[in-house]
Structure formats: C-alpha cells, structure tokens
C-alpha cells in the first residue's frame, strides 16, 4: 500500500467532517511529517480556522502551513530571525495563493467557485497542501529534516 499524499490526508480530515481548514491542515501535517505535536499544539492552531474565527482574517489553512514551514526550517535552539529558507518558502506560498486564488482573505476565498467541490474551501485547502508538500520535498535542507523524522 502506498503512502498517502499530504493533500489526501487533508481531504480526509476536512471533507465531510466538523474540522476547520486549520485543524485539518494541522492534523494532516502532523501525521504526514510524523511531527508528534501535542494536543495542546492542536488546540493552539484550532482557532485559526474560518479566518481566525472571524472570516475577516487570513485563511486558516494558509496560516497553519506557514507555521509548519517555520517548524521545518527554523534551526534548533536559535531564535531564527534570519531564516531565509523559511521566509522564501512563505513568500512562494503567498505568491502561489495570490496567483491561484487572488487573495488570502477568508471571506473572499469562500466566494470562489470550484469545479471539483461544492465548498471552495476544500479546493483551497487541497491546493495549499499540494504546494506545501511540493515546497518541503524540493528543499534540500528541509527534506533532510523531514526524512530524519520519517525514518
């Protein structure tokens, strides 16, 4: 049996469940990358769904993806204000979202149309998961950290 892709896990956690986009992204990343993050960490990310519970803020799935990038690129034991690797990946993810969706704003994202899903959030969360997996797997240093967690 082949290993599921990140977007497949996100879809399992998001589509047909009560989980928000943020919770689905968190749970999928935690499982996929074998992060072993705690229940307390899940609770911290849980309020980021639905535009941080307001619809007037940034997409929750995007926000969690940014947190995962930070987790995967920050150096151990350092306050990493010079994390160019992480900043470049966040910039790339932001540019991707703006190109594909035109916005990061939750309320505006909810008005988009999807050919594949009735709920546009499902398509957006899937797209973020695909891009995140691609970026993390194509980055040499991050890939080494991911592989050491998965082995």
N, C-alpha and C. Protein backbone atom coordinates (compact mmCIF):
# COMPACT_ATOMS: atom_id res chain seq x y z
N UNK A 1 0.85 -1.19 0.00
CA UNK A 1 0.00 0.00 0.00
C UNK A 1 0.88 1.24 0.00
N UNK A 2 0.57 2.17 -0.86
CA UNK A 2 1.40 3.37 -0.97
C UNK A 2 1.03 4.38 0.11
N UNK A 3 2.01 5.20 0.45
CA UNK A 3 1.82 6.26 1.43
C UNK A 3 0.92 7.33 0.83
N UNK A 4 -0.01 7.81 1.62
CA UNK A 4 -0.90 8.87 1.15
C UNK A 4 -0.14 10.17 1.00
N UNK A 5 -0.58 10.97 0.08
CA UNK A 5 -0.04 12.31 -0.11
C UNK A 5 -0.65 13.24 0.94
N UNK A 6 0.02 14.36 1.18
CA UNK A 6 -0.46 15.31 2.18
C UNK A 6 -1.88 15.78 1.86
N UNK A 7 -2.15 16.11 0.61
CA UNK A 7 -3.47 16.62 0.26
C UNK A 7 -4.56 15.56 0.49
N UNK A 8 -4.22 14.29 0.32
CA UNK A 8 -5.20 13.22 0.58
C UNK A 8 -5.56 13.16 2.07
N UNK A 9 -4.56 13.31 2.93
CA UNK A 9 -4.83 13.35 4.37
C UNK A 9 -5.64 14.58 4.74
N UNK A 10 -5.28 15.72 4.16
CA UNK A 10 -6.04 16.96 4.43
C UNK A 10 -7.50 16.76 4.05
N UNK A 11 -7.74 16.18 2.88
CA UNK A 11 -9.12 15.95 2.44
C UNK A 11 -9.86 15.02 3.39
N UNK A 12 -9.20 13.98 3.88
CA UNK A 12 -9.84 13.06 4.83
C UNK A 12 -10.23 13.78 6.11
N UNK A 13 -9.37 14.68 6.57
CA UNK A 13 -9.66 15.42 7.81
C UNK A 13 -10.64 16.57 7.60
N UNK A 14 -10.80 17.04 6.37
CA UNK A 14 -11.59 18.25 6.14
C UNK A 14 -12.96 17.96 5.53
N UNK A 15 -13.00 17.14 4.49
CA UNK A 15 -14.25 16.92 3.75
C UNK A 15 -15.16 15.98 4.53
N UNK A 16 -16.37 16.43 4.79
CA UNK A 16 -17.34 15.61 5.50
C UNK A 16 -17.10 15.50 6.99
N UNK A 17 -16.30 16.42 7.53
CA UNK A 17 -16.03 16.41 8.97
C UNK A 17 -16.42 17.76 9.57
N UNK A 18 -16.30 17.86 10.85
CA UNK A 18 -16.56 19.12 11.54
C UNK A 18 -15.28 19.93 11.73
N UNK A 19 -14.15 19.43 11.25
CA UNK A 19 -12.88 20.13 11.44
C UNK A 19 -12.79 21.34 10.53
N UNK A 20 -12.22 22.40 11.05
CA UNK A 20 -11.98 23.59 10.23
C UNK A 20 -10.81 23.33 9.29
N UNK A 21 -10.60 24.24 8.37
CA UNK A 21 -9.47 24.13 7.44
C UNK A 21 -8.15 24.08 8.20
N UNK A 22 -8.04 24.88 9.25
CA UNK A 22 -6.81 24.92 10.04
C UNK A 22 -6.57 23.61 10.77
N UNK A 23 -7.61 23.08 11.41
CA UNK A 23 -7.46 21.81 12.12
C UNK A 23 -7.12 20.68 11.16
N UNK A 24 -7.76 20.67 10.00
CA UNK A 24 -7.48 19.63 9.01
C UNK A 24 -6.03 19.72 8.54
N UNK A 25 -5.57 20.92 8.25
CA UNK A 25 -4.18 21.10 7.81
C UNK A 25 -3.21 20.67 8.91
N UNK A 26 -3.50 21.08 10.13
CA UNK A 26 -2.63 20.71 11.25
C UNK A 26 -2.56 19.20 11.43
N UNK A 27 -3.71 18.55 11.49
CA UNK A 27 -3.73 17.11 11.73
C UNK A 27 -3.06 16.35 10.59
N UNK A 28 -3.28 16.77 9.36
CA UNK A 28 -2.67 16.11 8.22
C UNK A 28 -1.15 16.28 8.24
N UNK A 29 -0.67 17.50 8.48
CA UNK A 29 0.77 17.73 8.53
C UNK A 29 1.41 16.98 9.68
N UNK A 30 0.76 16.98 10.82
CA UNK A 30 1.27 16.27 11.99
C UNK A 30 1.45 14.78 11.67
N UNK A 31 0.47 14.21 11.01
CA UNK A 31 0.54 12.79 10.64
C UNK A 31 1.53 12.56 9.50
N UNK A 32 1.43 13.33 8.45
CA UNK A 32 2.25 13.12 7.25
C UNK A 32 3.74 13.25 7.55
N UNK A 33 4.11 14.29 8.29
CA UNK A 33 5.51 14.55 8.58
C UNK A 33 5.96 13.92 9.90
N UNK A 34 5.07 13.17 10.54
CA UNK A 34 5.39 12.48 11.81
C UNK A 34 6.00 13.46 12.81
N UNK A 35 5.29 14.57 13.02
CA UNK A 35 5.79 15.63 13.88
C UNK A 35 5.57 15.33 15.36
N UNK A 36 4.60 14.49 15.67
CA UNK A 36 4.28 14.15 17.06
C UNK A 36 3.98 15.39 17.90
N UNK A 37 3.29 16.34 17.30
CA UNK A 37 2.91 17.56 18.03
C UNK A 37 1.77 17.23 18.99
N UNK A 38 1.75 17.91 20.08
CA UNK A 38 0.84 17.61 21.18
C UNK A 38 -0.60 18.08 20.93
N UNK A 39 -1.49 17.60 21.77
CA UNK A 39 -2.88 18.05 21.75
C UNK A 39 -2.95 19.55 22.06
N UNK A 40 -2.07 20.03 22.90
CA UNK A 40 -2.04 21.46 23.21
C UNK A 40 -1.69 22.27 21.96
N UNK A 41 -0.80 21.75 21.14
CA UNK A 41 -0.45 22.43 19.90
C UNK A 41 -1.63 22.43 18.95
N UNK A 42 -2.35 21.33 18.87
CA UNK A 42 -3.54 21.27 18.03
C UNK A 42 -4.54 22.33 18.47
N UNK A 43 -4.73 22.46 19.77
CA UNK A 43 -5.67 23.45 20.28
C UNK A 43 -5.24 24.87 19.90
N UNK A 44 -3.94 25.10 19.92
CA UNK A 44 -3.43 26.42 19.55
C UNK A 44 -3.80 26.76 18.10
N UNK A 45 -3.68 25.79 17.21
CA UNK A 45 -4.00 26.01 15.81
C UNK A 45 -5.50 25.94 15.52
N UNK A 46 -6.27 25.32 16.39
CA UNK A 46 -7.69 25.09 16.11
C UNK A 46 -8.49 26.37 15.92
N UNK A 47 -8.10 27.45 16.56
CA UNK A 47 -8.85 28.71 16.44
C UNK A 47 -8.47 29.52 15.20
N UNK A 48 -7.60 28.98 14.38
CA UNK A 48 -7.19 29.70 13.19
C UNK A 48 -8.11 29.45 12.01
N UNK A 49 -9.00 28.47 12.11
CA UNK A 49 -9.95 28.19 11.05
C UNK A 49 -10.96 29.31 10.90
N UNK A 50 -11.62 29.33 9.78
CA UNK A 50 -12.63 30.34 9.45
C UNK A 50 -12.04 31.74 9.59
N UNK A 51 -10.85 31.92 9.05
CA UNK A 51 -10.21 33.24 9.12
C UNK A 51 -9.98 33.68 10.54
N UNK A 52 -9.44 32.80 11.33
CA UNK A 52 -9.19 33.00 12.76
C UNK A 52 -10.49 33.31 13.48
N UNK A 53 -11.51 32.54 13.10
CA UNK A 53 -12.84 32.56 13.70
C UNK A 53 -13.63 33.83 13.41
N UNK A 54 -13.16 34.65 12.49
CA UNK A 54 -13.86 35.90 12.22
C UNK A 54 -14.30 36.03 10.77
N UNK A 55 -13.76 35.23 9.89
CA UNK A 55 -13.91 35.35 8.44
C UNK A 55 -13.26 36.62 7.90
N UNK A 56 -12.79 37.49 8.76
CA UNK A 56 -12.21 38.76 8.33
C UNK A 56 -10.69 38.73 8.31
N UNK A 57 -10.12 37.55 8.45
CA UNK A 57 -8.68 37.44 8.54
C UNK A 57 -8.16 36.47 7.49
N UNK A 58 -6.91 36.13 7.61
CA UNK A 58 -6.22 35.25 6.66
C UNK A 58 -6.73 33.82 6.76
N UNK A 59 -6.71 33.12 5.65
CA UNK A 59 -7.11 31.72 5.57
C UNK A 59 -6.39 30.90 6.65
N UNK A 60 -7.16 30.13 7.40
CA UNK A 60 -6.61 29.31 8.48
C UNK A 60 -5.67 28.24 7.99
N UNK A 61 -5.99 27.59 6.89
CA UNK A 61 -5.12 26.54 6.35
C UNK A 61 -3.78 27.14 5.93
N UNK A 62 -3.81 28.33 5.34
CA UNK A 62 -2.58 29.02 4.96
C UNK A 62 -1.77 29.34 6.21
N UNK A 63 -2.42 29.84 7.24
CA UNK A 63 -1.74 30.21 8.47
C UNK A 63 -1.04 29.01 9.10
N UNK A 64 -1.73 27.87 9.13
CA UNK A 64 -1.11 26.65 9.66
C UNK A 64 0.07 26.23 8.78
N UNK A 65 -0.09 26.31 7.47
CA UNK A 65 1.01 25.95 6.56
C UNK A 65 2.24 26.81 6.83
N UNK A 66 2.04 28.09 7.11
CA UNK A 66 3.15 28.97 7.45
C UNK A 66 3.81 28.50 8.74
N UNK A 67 3.01 28.11 9.73
CA UNK A 67 3.57 27.58 10.98
C UNK A 67 4.38 26.32 10.75
N UNK A 68 3.90 25.45 9.88
CA UNK A 68 4.62 24.21 9.56
C UNK A 68 5.94 24.54 8.87
N UNK A 69 5.93 25.52 7.97
CA UNK A 69 7.17 25.94 7.32
C UNK A 69 8.17 26.42 8.38
N UNK A 70 7.70 27.22 9.31
CA UNK A 70 8.57 27.68 10.38
C UNK A 70 9.14 26.52 11.19
N UNK A 71 8.29 25.58 11.53
CA UNK A 71 8.73 24.41 12.29
C UNK A 71 9.79 23.62 11.54
N UNK A 72 9.61 23.48 10.24
CA UNK A 72 10.51 22.66 9.44
C UNK A 72 11.80 23.37 9.04
N UNK A 73 11.82 24.69 9.10
CA UNK A 73 13.01 25.41 8.62
C UNK A 73 13.79 26.11 9.72
N UNK A 74 13.19 26.37 10.86
CA UNK A 74 13.90 27.05 11.95
C UNK A 74 15.00 26.14 12.49
N UNK A 75 16.10 26.72 12.85
CA UNK A 75 17.23 25.96 13.38
C UNK A 75 17.02 25.72 14.88
N UNK A 76 17.41 24.54 15.31
CA UNK A 76 17.27 24.14 16.72
C UNK A 76 18.01 25.09 17.64
N UNK A 77 17.35 25.49 18.73
CA UNK A 77 17.98 26.28 19.77
C UNK A 77 18.28 27.73 19.42
N UNK A 78 17.81 28.20 18.29
CA UNK A 78 18.08 29.57 17.89
C UNK A 78 16.78 30.33 17.69
N UNK A 79 16.81 31.62 17.98
CA UNK A 79 15.73 32.48 17.52
C UNK A 79 16.12 32.84 16.10
N UNK A 80 15.36 32.40 15.17
CA UNK A 80 15.81 32.37 13.79
C UNK A 80 15.24 33.53 12.98
N UNK A 81 15.62 34.75 13.33
CA UNK A 81 15.13 35.90 12.57
C UNK A 81 15.74 35.96 11.18
N UNK A 82 16.81 35.22 10.98
CA UNK A 82 17.45 35.20 9.66
C UNK A 82 17.12 33.92 8.90
N UNK A 83 15.95 33.38 9.12
CA UNK A 83 15.54 32.13 8.48
C UNK A 83 15.14 32.40 7.03
N UNK A 84 16.12 32.64 6.20
CA UNK A 84 15.85 32.97 4.79
C UNK A 84 15.14 31.83 4.08
N UNK A 85 15.49 30.61 4.41
CA UNK A 85 14.84 29.45 3.80
C UNK A 85 13.33 29.49 4.07
N UNK A 86 12.96 29.70 5.32
CA UNK A 86 11.55 29.77 5.68
C UNK A 86 10.85 30.95 5.05
N UNK A 87 11.49 32.10 5.10
CA UNK A 87 10.89 33.31 4.51
C UNK A 87 10.67 33.16 3.01
N UNK A 88 11.62 32.53 2.33
CA UNK A 88 11.46 32.32 0.89
C UNK A 88 10.30 31.38 0.60
N UNK A 89 10.16 30.35 1.42
CA UNK A 89 9.06 29.41 1.21
C UNK A 89 7.72 30.06 1.48
N UNK A 90 7.64 30.89 2.51
CA UNK A 90 6.40 31.60 2.82
C UNK A 90 6.06 32.58 1.69
N UNK A 91 7.06 33.25 1.18
CA UNK A 91 6.85 34.16 0.05
C UNK A 91 6.33 33.39 -1.16
N UNK A 92 6.91 32.22 -1.42
CA UNK A 92 6.49 31.39 -2.54
C UNK A 92 5.05 30.91 -2.36
N UNK A 93 4.70 30.49 -1.14
CA UNK A 93 3.34 30.04 -0.87
C UNK A 93 2.35 31.21 -1.00
N UNK A 94 2.74 32.36 -0.51
CA UNK A 94 1.89 33.56 -0.62
C UNK A 94 1.66 33.92 -2.09
N UNK A 95 2.73 33.96 -2.85
CA UNK A 95 2.61 34.27 -4.28
C UNK A 95 1.71 33.26 -4.99
N UNK A 96 1.87 32.00 -4.65
CA UNK A 96 1.06 30.93 -5.24
C UNK A 96 -0.43 31.16 -4.93
N UNK A 97 -0.74 31.44 -3.67
CA UNK A 97 -2.14 31.67 -3.28
C UNK A 97 -2.72 32.89 -3.99
N UNK A 98 -1.94 33.94 -4.08
CA UNK A 98 -2.44 35.15 -4.74
C UNK A 98 -2.65 34.91 -6.22
N UNK A 99 -1.78 34.11 -6.83
CA UNK A 99 -1.92 33.80 -8.24
C UNK A 99 -3.14 32.89 -8.48
N UNK A 100 -3.30 31.88 -7.68
CA UNK A 100 -4.36 30.88 -7.87
C UNK A 100 -5.71 31.39 -7.39
N UNK A 101 -5.72 32.06 -6.24
CA UNK A 101 -6.99 32.44 -5.60
C UNK A 101 -7.26 33.94 -5.61
N UNK A 102 -6.21 34.74 -5.80
CA UNK A 102 -6.39 36.18 -5.85
C UNK A 102 -6.40 36.86 -4.50
N UNK A 103 -6.38 36.08 -3.41
CA UNK A 103 -6.45 36.66 -2.07
C UNK A 103 -6.05 35.62 -1.04
N UNK A 104 -5.76 36.08 0.16
CA UNK A 104 -5.57 35.22 1.32
C UNK A 104 -6.70 35.40 2.32
N UNK A 105 -7.59 36.32 2.02
CA UNK A 105 -8.66 36.72 2.92
C UNK A 105 -9.77 35.66 2.94
N UNK A 106 -10.06 35.13 4.11
CA UNK A 106 -11.01 34.03 4.26
C UNK A 106 -12.36 34.31 3.61
N UNK A 107 -12.94 35.44 3.91
CA UNK A 107 -14.28 35.76 3.41
C UNK A 107 -14.31 35.79 1.88
N UNK A 108 -13.27 36.35 1.28
CA UNK A 108 -13.19 36.40 -0.18
C UNK A 108 -12.96 35.01 -0.77
N UNK A 109 -12.14 34.19 -0.10
CA UNK A 109 -11.89 32.83 -0.57
C UNK A 109 -13.17 32.01 -0.59
N UNK A 110 -14.05 32.24 0.38
CA UNK A 110 -15.30 31.49 0.46
C UNK A 110 -16.26 31.79 -0.69
N UNK A 111 -16.01 32.86 -1.43
CA UNK A 111 -16.88 33.20 -2.55
C UNK A 111 -16.41 32.61 -3.88
N UNK A 112 -15.22 32.00 -3.87
CA UNK A 112 -14.69 31.42 -5.10
C UNK A 112 -15.50 30.20 -5.51
N UNK A 113 -15.45 29.88 -6.78
CA UNK A 113 -16.15 28.71 -7.31
C UNK A 113 -15.13 27.61 -7.56
N UNK A 114 -15.54 26.38 -7.30
CA UNK A 114 -14.69 25.22 -7.54
C UNK A 114 -15.45 24.24 -8.43
N UNK A 115 -14.77 23.75 -9.45
CA UNK A 115 -15.39 22.74 -10.31
C UNK A 115 -15.45 21.38 -9.61
N UNK A 116 -14.53 21.15 -8.70
CA UNK A 116 -14.38 19.84 -8.07
C UNK A 116 -15.21 19.68 -6.79
N UNK A 117 -15.39 20.77 -6.04
CA UNK A 117 -16.05 20.71 -4.74
C UNK A 117 -17.17 21.74 -4.64
N UNK A 118 -18.22 21.42 -3.89
CA UNK A 118 -19.27 22.38 -3.61
C UNK A 118 -18.75 23.50 -2.71
N UNK A 119 -17.90 23.15 -1.78
CA UNK A 119 -17.33 24.11 -0.85
C UNK A 119 -15.95 24.52 -1.37
N UNK A 120 -15.76 25.78 -1.73
CA UNK A 120 -14.46 26.20 -2.27
C UNK A 120 -13.31 26.00 -1.29
N UNK A 121 -13.61 25.99 0.00
CA UNK A 121 -12.55 25.79 1.00
C UNK A 121 -11.85 24.44 0.80
N UNK A 122 -12.60 23.43 0.37
CA UNK A 122 -11.98 22.12 0.15
C UNK A 122 -10.92 22.22 -0.95
N UNK A 123 -11.21 22.92 -2.02
CA UNK A 123 -10.26 23.09 -3.11
C UNK A 123 -9.06 23.92 -2.66
N UNK A 124 -9.30 24.93 -1.86
CA UNK A 124 -8.23 25.81 -1.39
C UNK A 124 -7.29 25.06 -0.46
N UNK A 125 -7.85 24.33 0.50
CA UNK A 125 -7.04 23.57 1.44
C UNK A 125 -6.23 22.51 0.70
N UNK A 126 -6.85 21.86 -0.27
CA UNK A 126 -6.14 20.86 -1.07
C UNK A 126 -4.98 21.50 -1.83
N UNK A 127 -5.21 22.65 -2.42
CA UNK A 127 -4.16 23.35 -3.18
C UNK A 127 -3.01 23.76 -2.27
N UNK A 128 -3.32 24.26 -1.09
CA UNK A 128 -2.27 24.65 -0.14
C UNK A 128 -1.45 23.42 0.26
N UNK A 129 -2.12 22.32 0.53
CA UNK A 129 -1.42 21.08 0.93
C UNK A 129 -0.51 20.59 -0.19
N UNK A 130 -0.98 20.64 -1.43
CA UNK A 130 -0.14 20.20 -2.55
C UNK A 130 1.10 21.09 -2.68
N UNK A 131 0.90 22.39 -2.59
CA UNK A 131 2.03 23.32 -2.71
C UNK A 131 3.00 23.16 -1.55
N UNK A 132 2.49 23.01 -0.34
CA UNK A 132 3.33 22.84 0.84
C UNK A 132 4.17 21.57 0.71
N UNK A 133 3.53 20.48 0.34
CA UNK A 133 4.27 19.22 0.19
C UNK A 133 5.35 19.37 -0.88
N UNK A 134 5.01 20.00 -1.98
CA UNK A 134 5.98 20.20 -3.06
C UNK A 134 7.16 21.04 -2.58
N UNK A 135 6.88 22.13 -1.91
CA UNK A 135 7.96 23.00 -1.45
C UNK A 135 8.86 22.30 -0.44
N UNK A 136 8.26 21.61 0.52
CA UNK A 136 9.05 20.95 1.55
C UNK A 136 9.85 19.78 0.99
N UNK A 137 9.29 19.07 0.03
CA UNK A 137 10.02 17.93 -0.53
C UNK A 137 11.11 18.36 -1.49
N UNK A 138 11.00 19.54 -2.08
CA UNK A 138 12.00 20.03 -3.03
C UNK A 138 13.11 20.84 -2.37
N UNK A 139 13.02 21.08 -1.09
CA UNK A 139 14.03 21.85 -0.38
C UNK A 139 15.02 20.90 0.26
N UNK A 140 16.28 20.99 -0.11
CA UNK A 140 17.29 20.03 0.32
C UNK A 140 17.41 19.95 1.84
N UNK A 141 17.58 21.08 2.52
CA UNK A 141 17.80 21.04 3.96
C UNK A 141 16.55 20.62 4.70
N UNK A 142 15.41 21.12 4.28
CA UNK A 142 14.15 20.74 4.91
C UNK A 142 13.87 19.27 4.66
N UNK A 143 14.15 18.78 3.45
CA UNK A 143 13.93 17.38 3.13
C UNK A 143 14.75 16.48 4.03
N UNK A 144 15.95 16.89 4.35
CA UNK A 144 16.78 16.08 5.25
C UNK A 144 16.14 16.02 6.63
N UNK A 145 15.59 17.12 7.12
CA UNK A 145 14.93 17.12 8.43
C UNK A 145 13.67 16.26 8.40
N UNK A 146 12.89 16.35 7.32
CA UNK A 146 11.68 15.56 7.19
C UNK A 146 12.04 14.08 7.15
N UNK A 147 13.03 13.72 6.34
CA UNK A 147 13.41 12.32 6.23
C UNK A 147 13.92 11.76 7.55
N UNK A 148 14.61 12.57 8.35
CA UNK A 148 15.09 12.07 9.63
C UNK A 148 13.92 11.84 10.59
N UNK A 149 12.83 12.60 10.45
CA UNK A 149 11.65 12.38 11.29
C UNK A 149 10.88 11.15 10.84
N UNK A 150 10.89 10.89 9.55
CA UNK A 150 10.07 9.80 8.99
C UNK A 150 10.75 8.44 9.05
N UNK A 151 12.01 8.40 9.31
CA UNK A 151 12.74 7.11 9.34
C UNK A 151 12.88 6.60 10.75
